[in-house]
């Protein structure tokens, strides 16, 4: 089985994938590293699996992942949360000597205290923390990078600062998925390996915006005591001002039947795009 993740080896995605495999005994896996979200998503087929970041504790949801899930024919089979932290490296001795700094686009939002203290530094956004490191290492005098704390151990540079994230207890949640469309009927027959579930989905109104739409959608879950843990709105992109709602529901094994009965009722009125049903 091929496991596609954001690479190269050493990224937080790589660490998350390896942590996830610890919960999957006897898994025979070949890691497949890719430099971008889209390449990871496109690489997953058949019985292969992929992993993408979904949510960071400091910087919120990853729009690049949500936008793919909105229309993707995938089934999420699990999730894994890992601690993340960052260090600063530079090829100059003082902060005020830094001219430009490489930082991954989500990392930037998690290290605002540091970056705001460098108002005259050019920030160059990258698609991967490891690419930030690579570009720094092949760069010019005055360059710096924010990189995974785990990568600091093997480096020796004039300026190195540990733990530069805005909080020490930062973490990121990743999803594991297959390239198979999720189907409500098939998901309803899934046997949980624990007593608790997570069920992500998109719900899109099939009519023009009107008062009470979101209230009505949320009413389905409130009526049946289904716990809503996430609510996000995303534009559908086909028409200005029209949105779909990303939801995550959680509950216990005993609520499986009522969950899928409720979603089937919703599907008669709204476009329901299920993304998975898995144990947590």
Protein backbone atom coordinates (compact mmCIF):
# COMPACT_ATOMS: atom_id res chain seq x y z
CA UNK A 1 0.00 0.00 0.00
CA UNK A 2 1.26 3.47 -0.89
CA UNK A 3 0.93 6.27 1.66
CA UNK A 4 1.09 9.74 0.06
CA UNK A 5 2.13 12.64 2.30
CA UNK A 6 3.61 16.10 2.05
CA UNK A 7 7.36 15.74 1.80
CA UNK A 8 10.22 15.47 1.81
CA UNK A 9 10.89 13.19 4.76
CA UNK A 10 11.05 15.12 8.02
CA UNK A 11 7.89 17.22 7.63
CA UNK A 12 5.17 17.26 10.26
CA UNK A 13 3.01 15.36 7.76
CA UNK A 14 5.67 12.66 7.65
CA UNK A 15 5.71 12.48 11.45
CA UNK A 16 1.91 12.33 11.56
CA UNK A 17 1.79 9.53 8.98
CA UNK A 18 4.29 7.47 10.97
CA UNK A 19 2.35 8.05 14.20
CA UNK A 20 -0.85 6.96 12.48
CA UNK A 21 0.77 3.72 11.29
CA UNK A 22 1.59 2.83 14.90
CA UNK A 23 -2.18 2.32 15.34
CA UNK A 24 -2.35 0.07 12.26
CA UNK A 25 -0.54 -3.18 13.08
CA UNK A 26 0.94 -5.20 10.21
CA UNK A 27 0.44 -2.37 7.72
CA UNK A 28 2.77 -2.86 4.73
CA UNK A 29 3.34 0.71 3.57
CA UNK A 30 5.54 2.46 1.03
CA UNK A 31 5.83 6.20 1.71
CA UNK A 32 5.22 8.47 -1.28
CA UNK A 33 6.36 12.06 -0.70
CA UNK A 34 5.06 15.04 -2.68
CA UNK A 35 5.83 18.79 -2.44
CA UNK A 36 2.25 20.12 -2.70
CA UNK A 37 -1.28 19.48 -1.42
CA UNK A 38 -2.60 18.87 -4.92
CA UNK A 39 0.08 16.31 -5.74
CA UNK A 40 -0.67 14.38 -2.55
CA UNK A 41 -4.37 14.38 -3.37
CA UNK A 42 -3.85 13.34 -7.00
CA UNK A 43 -1.44 10.55 -6.06
CA UNK A 44 -3.98 8.57 -4.03
CA UNK A 45 -5.83 5.86 -5.95
CA UNK A 46 -7.14 2.33 -5.49
CA UNK A 47 -6.31 0.96 -2.07
CA UNK A 48 -3.65 3.62 -1.41
CA UNK A 49 -4.10 6.19 1.32
CA UNK A 50 -3.12 9.83 1.74
CA UNK A 51 -2.67 12.32 4.56
CA UNK A 52 -3.27 16.07 4.59
CA UNK A 53 -3.31 18.68 7.38
CA UNK A 54 -6.81 19.82 8.33
CA UNK A 55 -6.57 22.06 11.39
CA UNK A 56 -3.94 23.85 13.42
CA UNK A 57 -4.51 24.86 17.02
CA UNK A 58 -3.21 28.41 16.48
CA UNK A 59 -4.03 29.13 12.85
CA UNK A 60 -7.31 27.27 12.37
CA UNK A 61 -8.46 25.19 9.43
CA UNK A 62 -6.32 24.61 6.36
CA UNK A 63 -8.27 26.09 3.45
CA UNK A 64 -6.17 24.22 0.88
CA UNK A 65 -7.44 20.93 2.33
CA UNK A 66 -11.05 22.04 2.87
CA UNK A 67 -11.33 23.30 -0.70
CA UNK A 68 -10.36 19.88 -2.02
CA UNK A 69 -12.70 18.03 0.33
CA UNK A 70 -15.61 20.23 -0.73
CA UNK A 71 -15.93 18.43 -4.08
CA UNK A 72 -13.61 15.43 -3.62
CA UNK A 73 -14.70 11.83 -4.06
CA UNK A 74 -12.80 10.63 -1.00
CA UNK A 75 -13.51 8.74 2.19
CA UNK A 76 -11.77 9.80 5.37
CA UNK A 77 -10.77 6.75 7.39
CA UNK A 78 -9.12 8.39 10.37
CA UNK A 79 -7.29 11.32 11.86
CA UNK A 80 -4.16 11.94 13.89
CA UNK A 81 -3.09 14.96 15.94
CA UNK A 82 0.56 15.67 16.68
CA UNK A 83 2.39 18.45 18.54
CA UNK A 84 4.18 20.94 16.31
CA UNK A 85 6.78 23.58 17.09
CA UNK A 86 9.28 25.60 15.17
CA UNK A 87 12.75 27.02 15.36
CA UNK A 88 14.42 29.95 13.62
CA UNK A 89 17.73 29.56 11.77
CA UNK A 90 19.75 32.30 10.09
CA UNK A 91 23.17 32.66 8.50
CA UNK A 92 23.78 35.93 10.34
CA UNK A 93 24.50 36.51 14.03
CA UNK A 94 21.72 38.98 14.92
CA UNK A 95 18.00 39.27 14.18
CA UNK A 96 18.44 42.80 12.79
CA UNK A 97 20.80 41.42 10.15
CA UNK A 98 18.15 39.19 8.59
CA UNK A 99 17.02 40.43 5.16
CA UNK A 100 14.56 37.70 4.14
CA UNK A 101 12.96 34.73 5.81
CA UNK A 102 11.46 31.56 4.33
CA UNK A 103 8.30 30.28 6.02
CA UNK A 104 5.60 27.78 5.07
CA UNK A 105 2.17 29.37 4.53
CA UNK A 106 0.51 27.82 7.62
CA UNK A 107 3.64 28.15 9.75
CA UNK A 108 3.52 31.91 9.12
CA UNK A 109 0.21 32.17 10.97
CA UNK A 110 1.60 30.23 13.93
CA UNK A 111 4.71 32.40 14.40
CA UNK A 112 3.27 35.91 14.24
CA UNK A 113 5.02 37.20 17.37
CA UNK A 114 8.42 36.51 15.86
CA UNK A 115 7.56 37.74 12.37
CA UNK A 116 5.96 40.95 13.66
CA UNK A 117 9.24 41.73 15.46
CA UNK A 118 10.96 41.73 12.05
CA UNK A 119 8.99 44.43 10.18
CA UNK A 120 11.69 45.14 7.60
CA UNK A 121 12.35 41.52 6.67
CA UNK A 122 11.03 40.13 3.39
CA UNK A 123 8.80 37.11 4.07
CA UNK A 124 8.94 34.46 1.35
CA UNK A 125 6.11 31.96 1.64
CA UNK A 126 6.72 28.32 0.76
CA UNK A 127 4.51 25.24 0.39
CA UNK A 128 6.50 23.09 2.84
CA UNK A 129 8.59 23.58 5.98
CA UNK A 130 11.30 21.41 4.46
CA UNK A 131 11.32 23.55 1.32
CA UNK A 132 11.86 26.55 3.61
CA UNK A 133 14.94 24.81 4.97
CA UNK A 134 16.20 23.84 1.51
CA UNK A 135 15.81 27.37 0.14
CA UNK A 136 17.56 28.83 3.18
CA UNK A 137 20.49 26.41 2.86
CA UNK A 138 21.01 27.34 -0.80
CA UNK A 139 20.36 31.05 -0.26
CA UNK A 140 22.37 34.18 0.37
CA UNK A 141 23.87 36.00 3.34
CA UNK A 142 21.06 37.54 5.35
CA UNK A 143 18.66 34.62 4.82
CA UNK A 144 16.69 32.90 7.55
CA UNK A 145 13.99 30.24 7.81
CA UNK A 146 11.39 28.97 10.25
CA UNK A 147 11.64 25.19 10.30
CA UNK A 148 10.38 22.23 12.37
CA UNK A 149 12.00 22.16 15.78
CA UNK A 150 13.01 18.55 15.10
CA UNK A 151 15.32 19.72 12.31
CA UNK A 152 17.35 22.01 14.58
CA UNK A 153 19.37 19.20 16.16
CA UNK A 154 21.62 18.52 13.18
CA UNK A 155 22.31 22.18 12.32
CA UNK A 156 25.05 24.56 13.41
CA UNK A 157 24.45 28.16 12.36
CA UNK A 158 25.32 31.66 13.63
CA UNK A 159 21.75 32.29 14.80
CA UNK A 160 19.41 29.57 16.08
CA UNK A 161 16.33 30.09 18.23
CA UNK A 162 14.20 27.27 19.60
CA UNK A 163 10.45 27.24 20.09
CA UNK A 164 9.43 30.34 18.14
CA UNK A 165 5.74 29.45 17.72
CA UNK A 166 3.25 31.76 19.43
CA UNK A 167 2.43 28.99 21.95
CA UNK A 168 4.41 26.03 23.23
CA UNK A 169 1.38 23.70 23.20
CA UNK A 170 0.69 24.00 19.47
CA UNK A 171 -0.67 21.00 17.53
CA UNK A 172 -1.99 20.08 14.08
CA UNK A 173 -4.71 17.59 13.14
CA UNK A 174 -4.31 15.54 9.97
CA UNK A 175 -6.84 13.43 8.08
CA UNK A 176 -6.17 10.08 6.44
CA UNK A 177 -8.22 9.36 3.32
CA UNK A 178 -8.84 6.97 0.45
CA UNK A 179 -9.75 7.89 -3.11
CA UNK A 180 -13.24 6.42 -2.90
CA UNK A 181 -16.50 8.38 -2.76
CA UNK A 182 -18.15 8.21 0.66
CA UNK A 183 -21.69 6.81 0.55
CA UNK A 184 -24.17 7.24 3.41
CA UNK A 185 -25.58 3.74 3.09
CA UNK A 186 -22.16 2.08 3.04
CA UNK A 187 -20.85 4.25 5.87
CA UNK A 188 -23.87 3.34 8.01
CA UNK A 189 -22.71 -0.31 7.97
CA UNK A 190 -19.19 0.54 9.11
CA UNK A 191 -18.15 -1.14 12.37
CA UNK A 192 -16.38 1.18 14.80
CA UNK A 193 -13.26 -0.05 16.57
CA UNK A 194 -13.87 2.31 19.51
CA UNK A 195 -16.94 3.69 21.27
CA UNK A 196 -16.70 7.15 19.67
CA UNK A 197 -16.98 8.43 16.11
CA UNK A 198 -16.24 11.49 14.00
CA UNK A 199 -18.37 12.16 10.89
CA UNK A 200 -17.24 15.01 8.55
CA UNK A 201 -19.45 16.25 5.73
CA UNK A 202 -20.48 19.21 3.59
CA UNK A 203 -24.07 20.42 3.45
CA UNK A 204 -25.11 22.77 0.64
CA UNK A 205 -28.56 24.39 0.35
CA UNK A 206 -30.23 23.48 -2.95
CA UNK A 207 -32.07 26.80 -3.10
CA UNK A 208 -31.23 30.50 -2.96
CA UNK A 209 -30.26 32.04 0.35
CA UNK A 210 -33.14 32.65 2.70
CA UNK A 211 -33.56 33.42 6.42
CA UNK A 212 -33.32 30.44 8.73
CA UNK A 213 -31.38 28.08 6.44
CA UNK A 214 -28.52 27.46 8.86
CA UNK A 215 -30.95 27.32 11.79
CA UNK A 216 -32.87 24.59 9.97
CA UNK A 217 -29.71 22.58 9.21
CA UNK A 218 -28.52 22.74 12.82
CA UNK A 219 -31.99 21.77 14.01
CA UNK A 220 -31.60 18.28 12.60
CA UNK A 221 -28.65 17.62 14.89
CA UNK A 222 -30.09 19.35 17.96
CA UNK A 223 -33.31 17.34 17.70
CA UNK A 224 -31.43 14.04 17.87
CA UNK A 225 -28.71 15.08 20.35
CA UNK A 226 -25.91 14.78 17.80
CA UNK A 227 -22.88 16.82 18.82
CA UNK A 228 -21.69 19.39 16.28
CA UNK A 229 -17.98 20.06 16.87
CA UNK A 230 -17.15 22.03 13.70
CA UNK A 231 -19.03 24.51 11.53
CA UNK A 232 -17.31 26.34 8.65
CA UNK A 233 -18.74 28.05 5.56
CA UNK A 234 -17.01 27.94 2.17
CA UNK A 235 -18.06 29.59 -1.12
CA UNK A 236 -19.29 27.10 -3.72
CA UNK A 237 -17.40 29.15 -6.38
CA UNK A 238 -20.09 28.68 -9.01
CA UNK A 239 -22.00 31.77 -7.85
CA UNK A 240 -21.05 34.76 -5.73
CA UNK A 241 -22.60 34.76 -2.27
CA UNK A 242 -23.57 31.06 -2.24
CA UNK A 243 -21.97 28.92 0.45
CA UNK A 244 -21.79 25.34 1.63
CA UNK A 245 -21.22 24.33 5.24
CA UNK A 246 -18.43 22.06 6.44
CA UNK A 247 -19.54 20.15 9.52
CA UNK A 248 -18.01 17.60 11.85
CA UNK A 249 -20.25 15.54 14.10
CA UNK A 250 -19.14 13.44 17.03
CA UNK A 251 -20.93 10.88 19.14
CA UNK A 252 -20.97 7.36 20.50
CA UNK A 253 -21.40 3.97 18.91
CA UNK A 254 -25.02 3.87 20.14
CA UNK A 255 -25.84 6.92 17.99
CA UNK A 256 -24.78 5.35 14.69
CA UNK A 257 -28.29 4.53 13.53
CA UNK A 258 -29.77 7.91 14.46
CA UNK A 259 -26.81 9.67 12.81
CA UNK A 260 -27.38 8.12 9.41
CA UNK A 261 -31.17 8.31 9.64
CA UNK A 262 -30.79 12.04 10.29
CA UNK A 263 -28.36 12.53 7.40
CA UNK A 264 -30.69 10.67 5.02
CA UNK A 265 -33.53 13.00 6.04
CA UNK A 266 -31.30 16.02 5.42
CA UNK A 267 -30.33 14.67 2.00
CA UNK A 268 -33.97 14.93 0.90
CA UNK A 269 -33.81 18.71 1.36
CA UNK A 270 -30.12 19.63 1.04
CA UNK A 271 -27.13 18.39 -0.91
CA UNK A 272 -25.26 16.25 1.60
CA UNK A 273 -21.67 15.36 0.69
CA UNK A 274 -20.40 12.82 3.27
CA UNK A 275 -16.66 12.52 3.77
CA UNK A 276 -16.38 9.62 6.20
CA UNK A 277 -17.33 7.97 9.46
CA UNK A 278 -14.49 6.70 11.59
CA UNK A 279 -13.48 5.83 15.13
CA UNK A 280 -11.70 8.36 17.34
